[in-house]
C-alpha atoms as a PDB file:
ATOM      1  CA  UNK A   1      32.140 -79.630 -73.214  1.00  0.00           C
ATOM      2  CA  UNK A   2      34.164 -80.350 -70.097  1.00  0.00           C
ATOM      3  CA  UNK A   3      37.908 -80.235 -69.779  1.00  0.00           C
ATOM      4  CA  UNK A   4      39.220 -82.341 -66.912  1.00  0.00           C
ATOM      5  CA  UNK A   5      42.641 -81.475 -65.530  1.00  0.00           C
ATOM      6  CA  UNK A   6      42.810 -84.219 -62.936  1.00  0.00           C
ATOM      7  CA  UNK A   7      40.729 -87.242 -62.104  1.00  0.00           C
ATOM      8  CA  UNK A   8      40.943 -90.278 -59.869  1.00  0.00           C
ATOM      9  CA  UNK A   9      40.461 -92.389 -62.948  1.00  0.00           C
ATOM     10  CA  UNK A  10      43.938 -93.315 -64.197  1.00  0.00           C
ATOM     11  CA  UNK A  11      42.526 -93.767 -67.638  1.00  0.00           C
ATOM     12  CA  UNK A  12      41.498 -90.057 -67.956  1.00  0.00           C
ATOM     13  CA  UNK A  13      44.339 -87.536 -68.044  1.00  0.00           C
ATOM     14  CA  UNK A  14      44.086 -84.007 -69.455  1.00  0.00           C
ATOM     15  CA  UNK A  15      41.366 -85.146 -71.837  1.00  0.00           C
ATOM     16  CA  UNK A  16      38.241 -83.634 -73.360  1.00  0.00           C
ATOM     17  CA  UNK A  17      34.957 -85.502 -72.978  1.00  0.00           C
ATOM     18  CA  UNK A  18      32.218 -84.512 -75.379  1.00  0.00           C
ATOM     19  CA  UNK A  19      28.477 -85.096 -74.928  1.00  0.00           C
ATOM     20  CA  UNK A  20      29.166 -86.325 -71.422  1.00  0.00           C
ATOM     21  CA  UNK A  21      26.075 -87.673 -69.734  1.00  0.00           C
ATOM     22  CA  UNK A  22      25.110 -89.149 -66.409  1.00  0.00           C
ATOM     23  CA  UNK A  23      21.895 -89.318 -64.296  1.00  0.00           C
ATOM     24  CA  UNK A  24      22.783 -85.941 -62.746  1.00  0.00           C
ATOM     25  CA  UNK A  25      24.656 -84.231 -65.592  1.00  0.00           C
ATOM     26  CA  UNK A  26      23.795 -83.527 -69.184  1.00  0.00           C
ATOM     27  CA  UNK A  27      26.372 -81.864 -71.462  1.00  0.00           C
ATOM     28  CA  UNK A  28      24.922 -79.861 -74.389  1.00  0.00           C
ATOM     29  CA  UNK A  29      27.912 -77.527 -74.779  1.00  0.00           C
ATOM     30  CA  UNK A  30      29.675 -77.005 -78.076  1.00  0.00           C
ATOM     31  CA  UNK A  31      32.724 -75.307 -76.595  1.00  0.00           C
ATOM     32  CA  UNK A  32      34.811 -75.498 -73.479  1.00  0.00           C
ATOM     33  CA  UNK A  33      32.875 -73.746 -70.643  1.00  0.00           C
ATOM     34  CA  UNK A  34      33.625 -75.307 -67.250  1.00  0.00           C
ATOM     35  CA  UNK A  35      37.091 -75.462 -65.687  1.00  0.00           C
ATOM     36  CA  UNK A  36      37.648 -77.709 -62.675  1.00  0.00           C
ATOM     37  CA  UNK A  37      40.766 -77.256 -60.555  1.00  0.00           C
ATOM     38  CA  UNK A  38      41.771 -78.064 -57.001  1.00  0.00           C
ATOM     39  CA  UNK A  39      39.336 -76.199 -54.688  1.00  0.00           C
ATOM     40  CA  UNK A  40      38.063 -74.145 -57.630  1.00  0.00           C
ATOM     41  CA  UNK A  41      35.470 -74.234 -60.418  1.00  0.00           C
ATOM     42  CA  UNK A  42      35.559 -71.556 -63.119  1.00  0.00           C
ATOM     43  CA  UNK A  43      32.556 -70.816 -65.305  1.00  0.00           C
ATOM     44  CA  UNK A  44      31.678 -67.630 -67.200  1.00  0.00           C
ATOM     45  CA  UNK A  45      27.912 -67.744 -66.739  1.00  0.00           C
ATOM     46  CA  UNK A  46      25.913 -69.761 -64.209  1.00  0.00           C
ATOM     47  CA  UNK A  47      22.130 -70.233 -64.022  1.00  0.00           C
ATOM     48  CA  UNK A  48      21.260 -71.342 -60.501  1.00  0.00           C
ATOM     49  CA  UNK A  49      17.779 -71.422 -58.991  1.00  0.00           C
ATOM     50  CA  UNK A  50      18.688 -71.869 -55.337  1.00  0.00           C
ATOM     51  CA  UNK A  51      21.748 -71.644 -53.071  1.00  0.00           C
ATOM     52  CA  UNK A  52      20.858 -73.411 -49.834  1.00  0.00           C
ATOM     53  CA  UNK A  53      23.814 -72.368 -47.723  1.00  0.00           C
ATOM     54  CA  UNK A  54      25.901 -69.309 -46.804  1.00  0.00           C
ATOM     55  CA  UNK A  55      27.839 -67.761 -49.656  1.00  0.00           C
ATOM     56  CA  UNK A  56      31.012 -65.692 -49.563  1.00  0.00           C
ATOM     57  CA  UNK A  57      31.820 -63.529 -52.581  1.00  0.00           C
ATOM     58  CA  UNK A  58      35.214 -61.858 -52.924  1.00  0.00           C
ATOM     59  CA  UNK A  59      34.952 -59.075 -55.483  1.00  0.00           C
ATOM     60  CA  UNK A  60      32.283 -56.928 -57.090  1.00  0.00           C
ATOM     61  CA  UNK A  61      28.762 -58.220 -57.794  1.00  0.00           C
ATOM     62  CA  UNK A  62      26.569 -56.756 -60.530  1.00  0.00           C
ATOM     63  CA  UNK A  63      22.864 -57.568 -60.532  1.00  0.00           C
ATOM     64  CA  UNK A  64      20.813 -56.725 -63.632  1.00  0.00           C
ATOM     65  CA  UNK A  65      17.392 -57.198 -62.160  1.00  0.00           C
ATOM     66  CA  UNK A  66      15.750 -57.181 -58.727  1.00  0.00           C
ATOM     67  CA  UNK A  67      17.500 -58.252 -55.540  1.00  0.00           C
ATOM     68  CA  UNK A  68      14.795 -59.541 -53.223  1.00  0.00           C
ATOM     69  CA  UNK A  69      16.342 -60.028 -49.777  1.00  0.00           C
ATOM     70  CA  UNK A  70      14.803 -60.439 -46.358  1.00  0.00           C
ATOM     71  CA  UNK A  71      17.641 -58.550 -44.671  1.00  0.00           C
ATOM     72  CA  UNK A  72      20.646 -56.639 -46.000  1.00  0.00           C
ATOM     73  CA  UNK A  73      23.590 -55.830 -43.738  1.00  0.00           C
ATOM     74  CA  UNK A  74      26.122 -53.435 -45.224  1.00  0.00           C
ATOM     75  CA  UNK A  75      28.647 -50.802 -44.197  1.00  0.00           C
ATOM     76  CA  UNK A  76      27.969 -48.531 -47.169  1.00  0.00           C
ATOM     77  CA  UNK A  77      25.337 -48.125 -49.905  1.00  0.00           C
ATOM     78  CA  UNK A  78      25.980 -46.103 -53.064  1.00  0.00           C
ATOM     79  CA  UNK A  79      22.929 -45.704 -55.298  1.00  0.00           C
ATOM     80  CA  UNK A  80      21.336 -43.367 -57.806  1.00  0.00           C
ATOM     81  CA  UNK A  81      17.973 -45.093 -57.693  1.00  0.00           C
ATOM     82  CA  UNK A  82      14.909 -44.459 -55.555  1.00  0.00           C
ATOM     83  CA  UNK A  83      14.075 -46.285 -52.339  1.00  0.00           C
ATOM     84  CA  UNK A  84      10.578 -47.703 -52.778  1.00  0.00           C
ATOM     85  CA  UNK A  85       9.803 -48.569 -49.177  1.00  0.00           C
ATOM     86  CA  UNK A  86       7.475 -46.659 -46.825  1.00  0.00           C
ATOM     87  CA  UNK A  87      10.065 -46.127 -44.098  1.00  0.00           C
ATOM     88  CA  UNK A  88      13.804 -45.606 -43.914  1.00  0.00           C
ATOM     89  CA  UNK A  89      14.875 -47.258 -40.678  1.00  0.00           C
ATOM     90  CA  UNK A  90      17.951 -46.461 -38.548  1.00  0.00           C
ATOM     91  CA  UNK A  91      19.248 -48.605 -35.703  1.00  0.00           C
ATOM     92  CA  UNK A  92      22.630 -49.022 -34.073  1.00  0.00           C
ATOM     93  CA  UNK A  93      24.009 -52.534 -33.516  1.00  0.00           C
ATOM     94  CA  UNK A  94      22.697 -52.437 -29.942  1.00  0.00           C
ATOM     95  CA  UNK A  95      19.207 -51.522 -31.094  1.00  0.00           C
ATOM     96  CA  UNK A  96      19.440 -47.835 -30.161  1.00  0.00           C
ATOM     97  CA  UNK A  97      18.945 -45.148 -32.802  1.00  0.00           C
ATOM     98  CA  UNK A  98      20.784 -42.397 -30.915  1.00  0.00           C
ATOM     99  CA  UNK A  99      23.246 -40.629 -33.189  1.00  0.00           C
ATOM    100  CA  UNK A 100      21.954 -42.344 -36.320  1.00  0.00           C
ATOM    101  CA  UNK A 101      20.740 -40.474 -39.368  1.00  0.00           C
ATOM    102  CA  UNK A 102      21.881 -39.172 -42.720  1.00  0.00           C
ATOM    103  CA  UNK A 103      25.442 -38.239 -43.604  1.00  0.00           C
ATOM    104  CA  UNK A 104      26.600 -36.460 -46.765  1.00  0.00           C
ATOM    105  CA  UNK A 105      30.341 -36.865 -47.399  1.00  0.00           C
ATOM    106  CA  UNK A 106      32.632 -34.682 -49.423  1.00  0.00           C
ATOM    107  CA  UNK A 107      34.560 -31.611 -48.302  1.00  0.00           C
ATOM    108  CA  UNK A 108      32.699 -30.640 -45.152  1.00  0.00           C
ATOM    109  CA  UNK A 109      30.482 -33.456 -43.877  1.00  0.00           C
ATOM    110  CA  UNK A 110      26.796 -32.612 -43.558  1.00  0.00           C
ATOM    111  CA  UNK A 111      24.562 -34.457 -41.111  1.00  0.00           C
ATOM    112  CA  UNK A 112      20.931 -34.961 -40.146  1.00  0.00           C
ATOM    113  CA  UNK A 113      20.909 -36.970 -36.912  1.00  0.00           C
ATOM    114  CA  UNK A 114      18.745 -38.027 -33.988  1.00  0.00           C
ATOM    115  CA  UNK A 115      19.943 -36.843 -30.561  1.00  0.00           C
ATOM    116  CA  UNK A 116      18.643 -37.057 -27.011  1.00  0.00           C
ATOM    117  CA  UNK A 117      18.453 -34.932 -23.846  1.00  0.00           C
ATOM    118  CA  UNK A 118      16.042 -33.777 -25.079  1.00  0.00           C
ATOM    119  CA  UNK A 119      14.998 -36.037 -27.946  1.00  0.00           C
ATOM    120  CA  UNK A 120      15.399 -34.058 -31.159  1.00  0.00           C
ATOM    121  CA  UNK A 121      16.558 -34.078 -34.760  1.00  0.00           C
ATOM    122  CA  UNK A 122      19.786 -32.168 -35.312  1.00  0.00           C
ATOM    123  CA  UNK A 123      21.259 -30.967 -38.587  1.00  0.00           C
ATOM    124  CA  UNK A 124      24.344 -29.049 -39.572  1.00  0.00           C
ATOM    125  CA  UNK A 125      22.858 -26.944 -42.387  1.00  0.00           C
ATOM    126  CA  UNK A 126      20.154 -24.325 -42.921  1.00  0.00           C
ATOM    127  CA  UNK A 127      16.607 -25.330 -43.793  1.00  0.00           C
ATOM    128  CA  UNK A 128      15.300 -23.521 -46.871  1.00  0.00           C
ATOM    129  CA  UNK A 129      11.563 -23.636 -47.572  1.00  0.00           C
ATOM    130  CA  UNK A 130       9.692 -22.322 -50.621  1.00  0.00           C
ATOM    131  CA  UNK A 131       8.118 -18.898 -50.115  1.00  0.00           C
ATOM    132  CA  UNK A 132       4.572 -20.288 -49.884  1.00  0.00           C
ATOM    133  CA  UNK A 133       5.432 -22.940 -47.243  1.00  0.00           C
ATOM    134  CA  UNK A 134       5.444 -22.765 -43.440  1.00  0.00           C
ATOM    135  CA  UNK A 135       6.729 -24.550 -40.371  1.00  0.00           C
ATOM    136  CA  UNK A 136       3.742 -26.125 -38.655  1.00  0.00           C
ATOM    137  CA  UNK A 137       2.837 -27.636 -35.297  1.00  0.00           C
ATOM    138  CA  UNK A 138      -0.021 -30.120 -35.325  1.00  0.00           C
ATOM    139  CA  UNK A 139      -1.169 -28.748 -38.665  1.00  0.00           C
ATOM    140  CA  UNK A 140      -1.144 -25.100 -37.554  1.00  0.00           C
ATOM    141  CA  UNK A 141       1.371 -22.701 -39.196  1.00  0.00           C
ATOM    142  CA  UNK A 142       3.891 -21.336 -36.676  1.00  0.00           C
ATOM    143  CA  UNK A 143       6.386 -19.565 -38.933  1.00  0.00           C
ATOM    144  CA  UNK A 144       6.139 -18.502 -42.557  1.00  0.00           C
ATOM    145  CA  UNK A 145       8.325 -16.281 -44.699  1.00  0.00           C
ATOM    146  CA  UNK A 146       6.881 -13.008 -43.379  1.00  0.00           C
ATOM    147  CA  UNK A 147       4.759 -13.786 -40.324  1.00  0.00           C
ATOM    148  CA  UNK A 148       4.417 -15.690 -37.061  1.00  0.00           C
ATOM    149  CA  UNK A 149       1.446 -17.964 -36.533  1.00  0.00           C
ATOM    150  CA  UNK A 150      -1.525 -16.796 -34.471  1.00  0.00           C
ATOM    151  CA  UNK A 151      -0.808 -19.476 -31.857  1.00  0.00           C
ATOM    152  CA  UNK A 152       2.694 -18.092 -31.151  1.00  0.00           C
ATOM    153  CA  UNK A 153       2.002 -16.214 -27.888  1.00  0.00           C
ATOM    154  CA  UNK A 154       5.255 -16.513 -25.942  1.00  0.00           C
ATOM    155  CA  UNK A 155       8.603 -15.091 -26.992  1.00  0.00           C
ATOM    156  CA  UNK A 156      11.941 -13.875 -25.642  1.00  0.00           C
ATOM    157  CA  UNK A 157      12.673 -11.541 -28.545  1.00  0.00           C
ATOM    158  CA  UNK A 158      15.439  -9.099 -27.637  1.00  0.00           C
ATOM    159  CA  UNK A 159      15.599  -6.989 -30.789  1.00  0.00           C
ATOM    160  CA  UNK A 160      12.978  -5.901 -33.314  1.00  0.00           C
ATOM    161  CA  UNK A 161      13.100  -3.851 -36.458  1.00  0.00           C
ATOM    162  CA  UNK A 162      10.656  -1.080 -37.322  1.00  0.00           C
ATOM    163  CA  UNK A 163       7.118  -1.846 -36.120  1.00  0.00           C
ATOM    164  CA  UNK A 164       4.233  -0.546 -38.238  1.00  0.00           C
ATOM    165  CA  UNK A 165       1.561  -1.642 -35.778  1.00  0.00           C
ATOM    166  CA  UNK A 166       1.712  -2.981 -32.214  1.00  0.00           C
ATOM    167  CA  UNK A 167      -1.278  -4.144 -30.195  1.00  0.00           C
ATOM    168  CA  UNK A 168      -0.885  -5.309 -26.588  1.00  0.00           C
ATOM    169  CA  UNK A 169      -3.811  -6.746 -24.668  1.00  0.00           C
ATOM    170  CA  UNK A 170      -2.019  -7.437 -21.386  1.00  0.00           C
ATOM    171  CA  UNK A 171       0.626  -5.986 -19.118  1.00  0.00           C
ATOM    172  CA  UNK A 172       3.606  -4.154 -20.601  1.00  0.00           C
ATOM    173  CA  UNK A 173       7.075  -3.992 -19.070  1.00  0.00           C
ATOM    174  CA  UNK A 174       9.828  -2.214 -20.977  1.00  0.00           C
ATOM    175  CA  UNK A 175      13.226  -2.544 -19.346  1.00  0.00           C
ATOM    176  CA  UNK A 176      11.705  -2.641 -15.831  1.00  0.00           C
ATOM    177  CA  UNK A 177      11.137   1.099 -16.272  1.00  0.00           C
ATOM    178  CA  UNK A 178       7.998   1.637 -18.357  1.00  0.00           C
ATOM    179  CA  UNK A 179       4.878  -0.195 -17.184  1.00  0.00           C
ATOM    180  CA  UNK A 180       1.247  -0.496 -18.258  1.00  0.00           C
ATOM    181  CA  UNK A 181      -1.403  -2.176 -16.108  1.00  0.00           C
ATOM    182  CA  UNK A 182      -4.507  -3.059 -18.155  1.00  0.00           C
ATOM    183  CA  UNK A 183      -6.617  -3.531 -15.002  1.00  0.00           C
ATOM    184  CA  UNK A 184      -5.995  -0.091 -13.500  1.00  0.00           C
ATOM    185  CA  UNK A 185      -5.475   1.440 -16.981  1.00  0.00           C
ATOM    186  CA  UNK A 186      -2.365   3.209 -15.705  1.00  0.00           C
ATOM    187  CA  UNK A 187       0.966   3.951 -17.361  1.00  0.00           C
ATOM    188  CA  UNK A 188       3.984   4.633 -15.185  1.00  0.00           C
ATOM    189  CA  UNK A 189       7.644   5.444 -15.714  1.00  0.00           C
ATOM    190  CA  UNK A 190      10.103   4.453 -13.009  1.00  0.00           C
ATOM    191  CA  UNK A 191       7.569   2.633 -10.795  1.00  0.00           C
ATOM    192  CA  UNK A 192       5.671  -0.580 -11.398  1.00  0.00           C
ATOM    193  CA  UNK A 193       2.383   0.894 -10.184  1.00  0.00           C
ATOM    194  CA  UNK A 194       1.802   4.662 -10.352  1.00  0.00           C
ATOM    195  CA  UNK A 195      -0.701   6.751  -8.417  1.00  0.00           C
ATOM    196  CA  UNK A 196      -2.212   8.411 -11.486  1.00  0.00           C
ATOM    197  CA  UNK A 197      -3.360   7.470 -14.959  1.00  0.00           C
ATOM    198  CA  UNK A 198       0.107   8.564 -16.036  1.00  0.00           C
ATOM    199  CA  UNK A 199       2.948   8.925 -13.561  1.00  0.00           C
ATOM    200  CA  UNK A 200       6.689   9.568 -13.637  1.00  0.00           C
ATOM    201  CA  UNK A 201       8.635   8.504 -10.561  1.00  0.00           C
ATOM    202  CA  UNK A 202      12.103   9.840  -9.717  1.00  0.00           C
ATOM    203  CA  UNK A 203      13.684   7.467  -7.206  1.00  0.00           C
ATOM    204  CA  UNK A 204      16.695   9.699  -6.659  1.00  0.00           C
ATOM    205  CA  UNK A 205      14.594  12.618  -5.380  1.00  0.00           C
ATOM    206  CA  UNK A 206      11.575  10.567  -4.272  1.00  0.00           C
ATOM    207  CA  UNK A 207       9.226  12.617  -6.447  1.00  0.00           C
ATOM    208  CA  UNK A 208       6.230  11.257  -8.365  1.00  0.00           C
ATOM    209  CA  UNK A 209       4.581  13.470 -10.989  1.00  0.00           C
ATOM    210  CA  UNK A 210       1.077  12.414 -12.010  1.00  0.00           C
ATOM    211  CA  UNK A 211      -1.506  13.270 -14.645  1.00  0.00           C
ATOM    212  CA  UNK A 212      -4.989  12.175 -13.648  1.00  0.00           C
ATOM    213  CA  UNK A 213      -8.635  13.125 -13.377  1.00  0.00           C
ATOM    214  CA  UNK A 214     -10.087  14.709 -10.224  1.00  0.00           C
ATOM    215  CA  UNK A 215     -13.277  13.845  -8.357  1.00  0.00           C
ATOM    216  CA  UNK A 216     -14.779  17.202  -9.419  1.00  0.00           C
ATOM    217  CA  UNK A 217     -14.433  16.239 -13.059  1.00  0.00           C
ATOM    218  CA  UNK A 218     -11.317  18.361 -13.546  1.00  0.00           C
ATOM    219  CA  UNK A 219      -8.020  17.110 -14.857  1.00  0.00           C
ATOM    220  CA  UNK A 220      -5.067  17.389 -12.528  1.00  0.00           C
ATOM    221  CA  UNK A 221      -1.315  17.459 -12.856  1.00  0.00           C
ATOM    222  CA  UNK A 222       1.273  17.735 -10.100  1.00  0.00           C
ATOM    223  CA  UNK A 223       3.182  15.789  -7.476  1.00  0.00           C
ATOM    224  CA  UNK A 224       1.537  12.944  -5.595  1.00  0.00           C
ATOM    225  CA  UNK A 225       3.908  12.888  -2.646  1.00  0.00           C
ATOM    226  CA  UNK A 226       4.525  15.855  -0.326  1.00  0.00           C
ATOM    227  CA  UNK A 227       6.804  17.601  -2.807  1.00  0.00           C
ATOM    228  CA  UNK A 228       6.766  21.006  -4.502  1.00  0.00           C
ATOM    229  CA  UNK A 229       6.233  21.593  -8.194  1.00  0.00           C
ATOM    230  CA  UNK A 230       8.030  23.893 -10.654  1.00  0.00           C
ATOM    231  CA  UNK A 231       6.782  24.882 -14.085  1.00  0.00           C
ATOM    232  CA  UNK A 232       9.893  25.748 -16.021  1.00  0.00           C
ATOM    233  CA  UNK A 233      11.153  27.208 -19.284  1.00  0.00           C
ATOM    234  CA  UNK A 234      14.823  27.457 -20.159  1.00  0.00           C
ATOM    235  CA  UNK A 235      15.485  25.298 -17.072  1.00  0.00           C
ATOM    236  CA  UNK A 236      14.235  28.173 -14.851  1.00  0.00           C
ATOM    237  CA  UNK A 237      11.183  27.961 -12.625  1.00  0.00           C
ATOM    238  CA  UNK A 238       8.488  30.355 -13.866  1.00  0.00           C
ATOM    239  CA  UNK A 239       5.773  29.171 -11.491  1.00  0.00           C
ATOM    240  CA  UNK A 240       6.720  27.443  -8.222  1.00  0.00           C
ATOM    241  CA  UNK A 241       4.357  25.743  -5.805  1.00  0.00           C
ATOM    242  CA  UNK A 242       5.793  24.574  -2.486  1.00  0.00           C
ATOM    243  CA  UNK A 243       4.630  21.420  -0.730  1.00  0.00           C
ATOM    244  CA  UNK A 244       2.526  23.623   1.608  1.00  0.00           C
ATOM    245  CA  UNK A 245       0.852  25.411  -1.321  1.00  0.00           C
ATOM    246  CA  UNK A 246       2.796  28.677  -1.504  1.00  0.00           C
ATOM    247  CA  UNK A 247       2.864  29.959  -5.089  1.00  0.00           C
ATOM    248  CA  UNK A 248       5.601  32.034  -6.709  1.00  0.00           C
ATOM    249  CA  UNK A 249       5.119  33.513 -10.168  1.00  0.00           C
ATOM    250  CA  UNK A 250       8.333  34.499 -11.886  1.00  0.00           C
ATOM    251  CA  UNK A 251      11.928  34.059 -10.810  1.00  0.00           C
ATOM    252  CA  UNK A 252      13.726  35.912  -8.058  1.00  0.00           C
ATOM    253  CA  UNK A 253      16.610  36.927 -10.280  1.00  0.00           C
ATOM    254  CA  UNK A 254      14.542  37.506 -13.442  1.00  0.00           C
ATOM    255  CA  UNK A 255      12.410  40.530 -12.439  1.00  0.00           C
ATOM    256  CA  UNK A 256      12.286  41.811 -16.001  1.00  0.00           C
ATOM    257  CA  UNK A 257       9.745  39.150 -16.978  1.00  0.00           C
ATOM    258  CA  UNK A 258       6.160  40.181 -17.670  1.00  0.00           C
ATOM    259  CA  UNK A 259       3.067  38.617 -16.082  1.00  0.00           C
ATOM    260  CA  UNK A 260      -0.221  39.337 -17.821  1.00  0.00           C
ATOM    261  CA  UNK A 261      -3.709  38.703 -16.503  1.00  0.00           C
ATOM    262  CA  UNK A 262      -6.692  39.118 -18.819  1.00  0.00           C
ATOM    263  CA  UNK A 263     -10.063  39.266 -17.128  1.00  0.00           C
ATOM    264  CA  UNK A 264     -11.135  39.819 -13.544  1.00  0.00           C
ATOM    265  CA  UNK A 265      -8.887  38.833 -10.648  1.00  0.00           C
ATOM    266  CA  UNK A 266     -10.024  38.163  -7.127  1.00  0.00           C
ATOM    267  CA  UNK A 267      -7.886  37.783  -4.015  1.00  0.00           C
ATOM    268  CA  UNK A 268      -9.958  36.102  -1.377  1.00  0.00           C
ATOM    269  CA  UNK A 269     -12.987  36.707  -3.578  1.00  0.00           C
ATOM    270  CA  UNK A 270     -14.686  33.742  -5.212  1.00  0.00           C
ATOM    271  CA  UNK A 271     -16.536  35.614  -7.944  1.00  0.00           C
ATOM    272  CA  UNK A 272     -14.905  39.017  -8.579  1.00  0.00           C
ATOM    273  CA  UNK A 273     -16.966  41.612 -10.447  1.00  0.00           C
ATOM    274  CA  UNK A 274     -14.175  44.132 -10.989  1.00  0.00           C
ATOM    275  CA  UNK A 275     -10.791  43.846 -12.664  1.00  0.00           C
ATOM    276  CA  UNK A 276      -9.176  43.417  -9.245  1.00  0.00           C
ATOM    277  CA  UNK A 277     -10.931  42.565  -6.010  1.00  0.00           C
ATOM    278  CA  UNK A 278      -9.190  41.975  -2.694  1.00  0.00           C
ATOM    279  CA  UNK A 279     -11.132  40.643   0.241  1.00  0.00           C
ATOM    280  CA  UNK A 280      -8.784  41.991   2.920  1.00  0.00           C
ATOM    281  CA  UNK A 281      -5.926  44.402   3.467  1.00  0.00           C
ATOM    282  CA  UNK A 282      -3.354  44.987   0.768  1.00  0.00           C
ATOM    283  CA  UNK A 283      -0.035  46.736   0.267  1.00  0.00           C
ATOM    284  CA  UNK A 284       0.778  48.996  -2.657  1.00  0.00           C
ATOM    285  CA  UNK A 285       4.203  50.604  -3.031  1.00  0.00           C
ATOM    286  CA  UNK A 286       5.158  49.083   0.338  1.00  0.00           C
ATOM    287  CA  UNK A 287       2.258  51.001   1.957  1.00  0.00           C
ATOM    288  CA  UNK A 288      -0.634  49.341   3.750  1.00  0.00           C
ATOM    289  CA  UNK A 289      -4.193  49.892   2.627  1.00  0.00           C
ATOM    290  CA  UNK A 290      -6.535  48.531   5.288  1.00  0.00           C
ATOM    291  CA  UNK A 291     -10.194  48.841   6.278  1.00  0.00           C
ATOM    292  CA  UNK A 292     -11.603  49.774   9.692  1.00  0.00           C
ATOM    293  CA  UNK A 293     -14.017  52.061  11.555  1.00  0.00           C
ATOM    294  CA  UNK A 294     -11.276  53.939  13.429  1.00  0.00           C
ATOM    295  CA  UNK A 295      -7.557  54.540  13.512  1.00  0.00           C
ATOM    296  CA  UNK A 296      -5.525  51.521  14.760  1.00  0.00           C
ATOM    297  CA  UNK A 297      -4.767  51.372  18.492  1.00  0.00           C
ATOM    298  CA  UNK A 298      -2.279  48.489  18.381  1.00  0.00           C
ATOM    299  CA  UNK A 299       0.042  46.792  15.961  1.00  0.00           C
ATOM    300  CA  UNK A 300       3.107  47.919  14.054  1.00  0.00           C
ATOM    301  CA  UNK A 301       2.635  50.476  11.266  1.00  0.00           C
ATOM    302  CA  UNK A 302       4.810  52.709   9.171  1.00  0.00           C
ATOM    303  CA  UNK A 303       4.399  56.232   7.892  1.00  0.00           C
ATOM    304  CA  UNK A 304       2.079  56.393   4.902  1.00  0.00           C
ATOM    305  CA  UNK A 305      -0.148  53.456   5.853  1.00  0.00           C
ATOM    306  CA  UNK A 306      -3.860  54.158   5.350  1.00  0.00           C
ATOM    307  CA  UNK A 307      -6.976  52.747   6.987  1.00  0.00           C
ATOM    308  CA  UNK A 308     -10.150  53.359   5.006  1.00  0.00           C
ATOM    309  CA  UNK A 309     -13.320  54.104   6.997  1.00  0.00           C
ATOM    310  CA  UNK A 310     -15.805  51.234   6.693  1.00  0.00           C
ATOM    311  CA  UNK A 311     -18.632  53.318   8.148  1.00  0.00           C
ATOM    312  CA  UNK A 312     -18.449  56.726   6.399  1.00  0.00           C
ATOM    313  CA  UNK A 313     -21.096  59.340   7.192  1.00  0.00           C
ATOM    314  CA  UNK A 314     -21.484  63.104   7.545  1.00  0.00           C
ATOM    315  CA  UNK A 315     -19.029  64.821   9.860  1.00  0.00           C
ATOM    316  CA  UNK A 316     -16.688  61.793   9.762  1.00  0.00           C
ATOM    317  CA  UNK A 317     -13.630  61.074   7.653  1.00  0.00           C
ATOM    318  CA  UNK A 318     -12.814  59.035   4.614  1.00  0.00           C
ATOM    319  CA  UNK A 319     -10.036  57.374   6.607  1.00  0.00           C
ATOM    320  CA  UNK A 320      -6.879  57.716   8.674  1.00  0.00           C
ATOM    321  CA  UNK A 321      -3.222  57.972   7.645  1.00  0.00           C
ATOM    322  CA  UNK A 322      -0.117  57.143   9.691  1.00  0.00           C
ATOM    323  CA  UNK A 323       2.202  60.176   9.904  1.00  0.00           C
ATOM    324  CA  UNK A 324       4.732  58.672  12.316  1.00  0.00           C
ATOM    325  CA  UNK A 325       5.863  55.053  12.227  1.00  0.00           C
ATOM    326  CA  UNK A 326       5.487  53.100  15.456  1.00  0.00           C
ATOM    327  CA  UNK A 327       3.272  50.828  17.461  1.00  0.00           C
ATOM    328  CA  UNK A 328       0.666  51.854  16.643  1.00  0.00           C
ATOM    329  CA  UNK A 329       2.290  55.092  15.433  1.00  0.00           C
ATOM    330  CA  UNK A 330       0.659  58.509  15.006  1.00  0.00           C
ATOM    331  CA  UNK A 331      -2.559  58.633  12.976  1.00  0.00           C
ATOM    332  CA  UNK A 332      -4.503  61.556  11.595  1.00  0.00           C
ATOM    333  CA  UNK A 333      -7.891  61.582   9.850  1.00  0.00           C
ATOM    334  CA  UNK A 334      -8.248  62.790   6.275  1.00  0.00           C
ATOM    335  CA  UNK A 335     -11.079  63.557   3.925  1.00  0.00           C
ATOM    336  CA  UNK A 336     -13.764  65.316   6.022  1.00  0.00           C
ATOM    337  CA  UNK A 337     -17.219  64.280   4.896  1.00  0.00           C
ATOM    338  CA  UNK A 338     -19.570  67.322   4.904  1.00  0.00           C
END
């Protein structure tokens, strides 16, 4: 049923035509459905197979079915349904995809974007993976919940927690102060390359202390440079060795200390057989005990010095004793051998 409001036919005015028919129109309606006005047609439901020109719609459109379109251009899409295509494509109007990506609105905006210099994906939020998943590179795990991948060999880590096990197969540099060289098998403190298997270098005093093995199969400890060495307790030197080899046992101002020697001692004797063996002259109680075949004829001596006879025989003496200090002083024989 068609209601015509206006027509060029003067014979039809505000009339209803029922069962209207023409070669292009067939009217099967039983109630008023189509309204025709100037520049406007109003119909509640339309069944159209094809629109062959551009169409402008002002207002909302609801589609109960499938929208099959070759290209959709829109400023915003709101959907609760899945996207059943293989790829989700992003492109700016100029064809570039820089700065394009995903944006979640509401409160604080959250983004997942593509950026350049260098090319990368950038996001504003944390990435949370399940405990049994990993970040991978070319199919190889690089980072999991509790471990780094085996292919992760370079790092600029500046702080670590408690290490239960640490294995290093190459060079070690800790704070440009502690070094290990795997080629020379040497560890050094204070110098990049030490002169012993283990060395400590003091730049302030130019002293290097080393622990190493000797060519004779002995171990050795001491100073590498021409410096003396002190063995200390209580911050006092107990044994001092000068750079020229002079040895001092004890401390000058601590003469109440005790030095014990167990076993045989030799002075100038390589293999002593007695508790104390001295190869040359010695002093005891500030008195000289020397060896000779006669009383001294030169040199400076003091009263009480003794020279023991190295060629004792009958009618000779055990030795000679100085009774007057001088050069050589006055000497008298003692101990007549009968």
